[in-house]
């Protein structure tokens, strides 16, 4: 976006985003690995550390870029649908379809994995391979979608919780319901972003971040009360 331009046409940004997602995923795997494999805590903490490092690199690139490119990249980093184009829909559809099909086919094993590595292994899952495939599928969907809409945060953290309240904890039910709820939520957040300070449009990521922060505060308060 800042330097190379659309080298491969409309697919340039999705390809670059998927490659970047795979590279960051590989860094997390390499740095989080222990002699005994992976633990959830190490994966999370390593992911947070890699996130800060890559964010620093991204911000440095934006600050050193020409003003016009930096403005475009900054708005994209905040997320929004203002630059949506129909020719990008097939790329997003294919990425989501491939990822969703893979996850639904392995939904039972992923449910077992949520109980812990030992439980998943007892039920016949190849835990390291399953986790690697899951990360690749998530990197594909996330990388391609973020390349199109920018970083619209918190929807993926909020909607699974809401879907779990409605349909229970089984992934085969959560995934389609959560995706539908996320799409509806994103659409109405976009309407609010365009309407609250019209004719000026707020980045969608700003709206979802504000709502998401309030959501988690309410959830934490309710858990403390209980």
Protein backbone atom coordinates (compact mmCIF):
# COMPACT_ATOMS: atom_id res chain seq x y z
CA UNK A 1 0.00 0.00 0.00
CA UNK A 2 2.83 2.42 0.80
CA UNK A 3 5.61 1.44 -1.58
CA UNK A 4 4.98 -1.40 -4.04
CA UNK A 5 1.50 -0.57 -5.31
CA UNK A 6 -0.89 -3.05 -6.93
CA UNK A 7 1.80 -5.30 -8.43
CA UNK A 8 -0.61 -8.22 -8.88
CA UNK A 9 -3.76 -6.17 -9.39
CA UNK A 10 -6.66 -6.38 -6.93
CA UNK A 11 -5.17 -9.54 -5.41
CA UNK A 12 -1.95 -7.79 -4.29
CA UNK A 13 -3.13 -6.71 -0.85
CA UNK A 14 -4.89 -10.02 0.03
CA UNK A 15 -1.80 -11.99 -1.05
CA UNK A 16 0.50 -9.74 0.97
CA UNK A 17 -1.80 -9.87 4.00
CA UNK A 18 -2.00 -13.67 3.90
CA UNK A 19 1.79 -13.89 3.60
CA UNK A 20 2.21 -11.49 6.52
CA UNK A 21 -0.26 -13.50 8.61
CA UNK A 22 1.64 -16.71 7.89
CA UNK A 23 4.97 -15.09 8.77
CA UNK A 24 3.66 -13.73 12.06
CA UNK A 25 2.08 -17.10 12.83
CA UNK A 26 5.39 -18.85 12.12
CA UNK A 27 7.21 -16.44 14.45
CA UNK A 28 4.74 -17.19 17.24
CA UNK A 29 5.15 -20.93 16.76
CA UNK A 30 8.95 -20.80 16.70
CA UNK A 31 9.27 -18.52 19.73
CA UNK A 32 6.55 -20.20 21.81
CA UNK A 33 7.77 -23.74 21.28
CA UNK A 34 9.18 -25.65 24.25
CA UNK A 35 10.69 -29.10 24.45
CA UNK A 36 7.30 -30.43 25.47
CA UNK A 37 5.38 -28.61 22.74
CA UNK A 38 3.11 -25.60 23.22
CA UNK A 39 1.08 -24.24 26.10
CA UNK A 40 -1.83 -21.86 25.77
CA UNK A 41 -0.16 -19.29 28.00
CA UNK A 42 3.07 -19.25 25.97
CA UNK A 43 1.16 -18.94 22.69
CA UNK A 44 -0.89 -15.99 24.01
CA UNK A 45 2.06 -14.14 25.54
CA UNK A 46 4.24 -14.73 22.48
CA UNK A 47 1.43 -13.55 20.23
CA UNK A 48 1.08 -10.35 22.26
CA UNK A 49 4.83 -9.72 22.03
CA UNK A 50 4.89 -10.31 18.24
CA UNK A 51 1.88 -8.04 17.89
CA UNK A 52 3.69 -5.16 19.60
CA UNK A 53 6.83 -5.68 17.52
CA UNK A 54 4.99 -5.82 14.19
CA UNK A 55 2.83 -2.84 15.18
CA UNK A 56 5.98 -0.84 15.85
CA UNK A 57 7.35 -1.80 12.42
CA UNK A 58 4.05 -0.91 10.76
CA UNK A 59 3.88 2.48 12.46
CA UNK A 60 7.48 3.20 11.44
CA UNK A 61 6.64 2.41 7.80
CA UNK A 62 3.58 4.65 7.92
CA UNK A 63 5.49 7.56 9.46
CA UNK A 64 8.28 7.30 6.87
CA UNK A 65 5.93 7.06 3.88
CA UNK A 66 4.68 9.94 1.70
CA UNK A 67 1.79 11.87 3.25
CA UNK A 68 -0.84 10.61 0.80
CA UNK A 69 0.15 6.98 1.23
CA UNK A 70 0.41 7.35 5.00
CA UNK A 71 -3.10 8.79 5.23
CA UNK A 72 -4.52 5.93 3.20
CA UNK A 73 -2.65 3.31 5.23
CA UNK A 74 -3.65 4.92 8.55
CA UNK A 75 -7.36 4.89 7.62
CA UNK A 76 -7.04 1.28 6.51
CA UNK A 77 -5.38 0.33 9.82
CA UNK A 78 -8.40 1.74 11.64
CA UNK A 79 -10.75 -0.38 9.52
CA UNK A 80 -13.83 0.46 7.50
CA UNK A 81 -15.99 -0.39 4.51
CA UNK A 82 -15.65 2.91 2.67
CA UNK A 83 -13.24 1.43 0.12
CA UNK A 84 -15.27 -1.73 -0.49
CA UNK A 85 -15.31 -2.87 -4.10
CA UNK A 86 -17.29 -5.64 -5.79
CA UNK A 87 -14.20 -7.06 -7.48
CA UNK A 88 -12.78 -7.92 -4.05
CA UNK A 89 -15.80 -10.00 -3.01
CA UNK A 90 -14.77 -13.24 -4.82
CA UNK A 91 -11.38 -13.26 -3.08
CA UNK A 92 -12.97 -12.79 0.34
CA UNK A 93 -15.66 -15.39 -0.40
CA UNK A 94 -13.16 -18.05 -1.45
CA UNK A 95 -10.95 -17.46 1.62
CA UNK A 96 -13.89 -17.61 4.03
CA UNK A 97 -15.45 -20.64 2.31
CA UNK A 98 -12.19 -22.63 2.42
CA UNK A 99 -11.56 -21.75 6.07
CA UNK A 100 -15.14 -22.41 7.19
CA UNK A 101 -15.30 -25.79 5.42
CA UNK A 102 -12.04 -26.89 7.04
CA UNK A 103 -13.15 -25.78 10.52
CA UNK A 104 -16.60 -27.39 10.22
CA UNK A 105 -15.08 -30.69 9.08
CA UNK A 106 -12.86 -30.73 12.18
CA UNK A 107 -15.34 -29.13 14.56
CA UNK A 108 -15.54 -32.16 16.88
CA UNK A 109 -11.76 -32.39 17.22
CA UNK A 110 -11.53 -28.64 17.85
CA UNK A 111 -14.18 -28.99 20.56
CA UNK A 112 -11.99 -31.64 22.14
CA UNK A 113 -8.94 -29.39 21.80
CA UNK A 114 -10.73 -26.68 23.77
CA UNK A 115 -10.75 -29.11 26.73
CA UNK A 116 -6.97 -29.42 26.62
CA UNK A 117 -4.28 -31.24 24.66
CA UNK A 118 -4.57 -34.45 26.65
CA UNK A 119 -8.33 -34.71 26.13
CA UNK A 120 -7.96 -34.09 22.40
CA UNK A 121 -5.18 -36.67 22.12
CA UNK A 122 -7.29 -39.23 24.00
CA UNK A 123 -10.12 -38.69 21.48
CA UNK A 124 -7.80 -39.40 18.55
CA UNK A 125 -6.62 -35.95 17.50
CA UNK A 126 -3.11 -35.28 16.25
CA UNK A 127 -2.82 -32.16 18.40
CA UNK A 128 0.27 -30.47 16.84
CA UNK A 129 -1.01 -31.02 13.30
CA UNK A 130 -4.54 -29.94 14.21
CA UNK A 131 -3.30 -26.76 15.86
CA UNK A 132 -1.05 -25.94 12.88
CA UNK A 133 -3.88 -26.47 10.38
CA UNK A 134 -6.19 -24.34 12.51
CA UNK A 135 -3.70 -21.47 12.60
CA UNK A 136 -3.22 -21.65 8.81
CA UNK A 137 -6.99 -21.58 8.20
CA UNK A 138 -7.39 -18.63 10.57
CA UNK A 139 -4.43 -16.84 8.98
CA UNK A 140 -5.99 -17.29 5.54
CA UNK A 141 -9.38 -15.88 6.53
CA UNK A 142 -8.05 -13.11 8.75
CA UNK A 143 -5.29 -12.02 6.39
CA UNK A 144 -7.55 -11.78 3.34
CA UNK A 145 -10.44 -10.08 5.14
CA UNK A 146 -8.22 -7.56 6.94
CA UNK A 147 -6.56 -6.73 3.62
CA UNK A 148 -9.97 -5.68 2.30
CA UNK A 149 -11.62 -3.95 5.26
CA UNK A 150 -8.65 -3.07 7.45
CA UNK A 151 -8.32 -4.03 11.11
CA UNK A 152 -11.88 -4.00 12.43
CA UNK A 153 -11.28 -5.21 15.95
CA UNK A 154 -13.32 -6.86 18.70
CA UNK A 155 -16.09 -8.37 16.51
CA UNK A 156 -14.29 -11.71 16.57
CA UNK A 157 -14.01 -11.46 20.35
CA UNK A 158 -17.57 -10.35 21.07
CA UNK A 159 -19.74 -12.42 18.73
CA UNK A 160 -18.49 -15.90 19.74
CA UNK A 161 -19.44 -15.10 23.34
CA UNK A 162 -22.90 -13.94 22.26
CA UNK A 163 -23.36 -16.98 20.02
CA UNK A 164 -22.30 -19.27 22.89
CA UNK A 165 -24.99 -17.74 25.09
CA UNK A 166 -27.58 -18.55 22.41
CA UNK A 167 -26.60 -21.99 21.08
CA UNK A 168 -24.15 -23.49 23.58
CA UNK A 169 -20.47 -24.27 23.31
CA UNK A 170 -20.34 -26.64 20.30
CA UNK A 171 -18.25 -25.12 17.50
CA UNK A 172 -20.46 -26.55 14.75
CA UNK A 173 -23.30 -24.36 16.04
CA UNK A 174 -21.25 -21.37 17.17
CA UNK A 175 -19.43 -20.83 13.87
CA UNK A 176 -22.36 -20.09 11.50
CA UNK A 177 -24.40 -18.25 14.15
CA UNK A 178 -21.40 -16.19 15.25
CA UNK A 179 -20.53 -15.33 11.63
CA UNK A 180 -24.10 -14.17 10.94
CA UNK A 181 -24.24 -12.14 14.14
CA UNK A 182 -20.84 -10.62 13.35
CA UNK A 183 -21.99 -9.57 9.87
CA UNK A 184 -25.14 -7.94 11.25
CA UNK A 185 -23.22 -6.23 14.03
CA UNK A 186 -20.58 -4.90 11.61
CA UNK A 187 -23.27 -3.56 9.30
CA UNK A 188 -25.00 -1.60 12.06
CA UNK A 189 -21.73 -0.35 13.50
CA UNK A 190 -20.89 0.92 10.01
CA UNK A 191 -24.24 2.71 9.85
CA UNK A 192 -23.49 4.34 13.21
CA UNK A 193 -19.98 5.30 12.09
CA UNK A 194 -21.42 7.04 9.03
CA UNK A 195 -24.30 8.72 10.88
CA UNK A 196 -23.08 9.95 14.27
CA UNK A 197 -20.82 12.72 12.95
CA UNK A 198 -22.19 13.05 9.41
CA UNK A 199 -21.01 14.17 6.91
CA UNK A 200 -17.72 13.10 8.54
CA UNK A 201 -17.28 9.31 8.75
CA UNK A 202 -15.65 7.62 11.71
CA UNK A 203 -13.47 4.57 10.97
CA UNK A 204 -15.45 1.41 11.67
CA UNK A 205 -12.62 -0.01 13.78
CA UNK A 206 -12.93 2.94 16.18
CA UNK A 207 -16.62 2.19 16.74
CA UNK A 208 -16.13 -1.54 17.27
CA UNK A 209 -13.16 -0.96 19.60
CA UNK A 210 -15.19 1.42 21.77
CA UNK A 211 -18.17 -0.94 21.88
CA UNK A 212 -15.93 -3.97 22.45
CA UNK A 213 -14.14 -2.35 25.37
CA UNK A 214 -17.45 -1.52 27.06
CA UNK A 215 -18.70 -5.04 26.38
CA UNK A 216 -15.76 -6.66 28.14
CA UNK A 217 -16.02 -4.28 31.10
CA UNK A 218 -19.67 -5.29 31.55
CA UNK A 219 -18.81 -9.00 31.27
CA UNK A 220 -16.02 -8.70 33.84
CA UNK A 221 -18.27 -6.77 36.22
CA UNK A 222 -21.01 -9.40 35.93
CA UNK A 223 -18.55 -12.21 36.63
CA UNK A 224 -17.24 -10.35 39.71
CA UNK A 225 -20.80 -9.94 41.01
CA UNK A 226 -21.47 -13.66 40.57
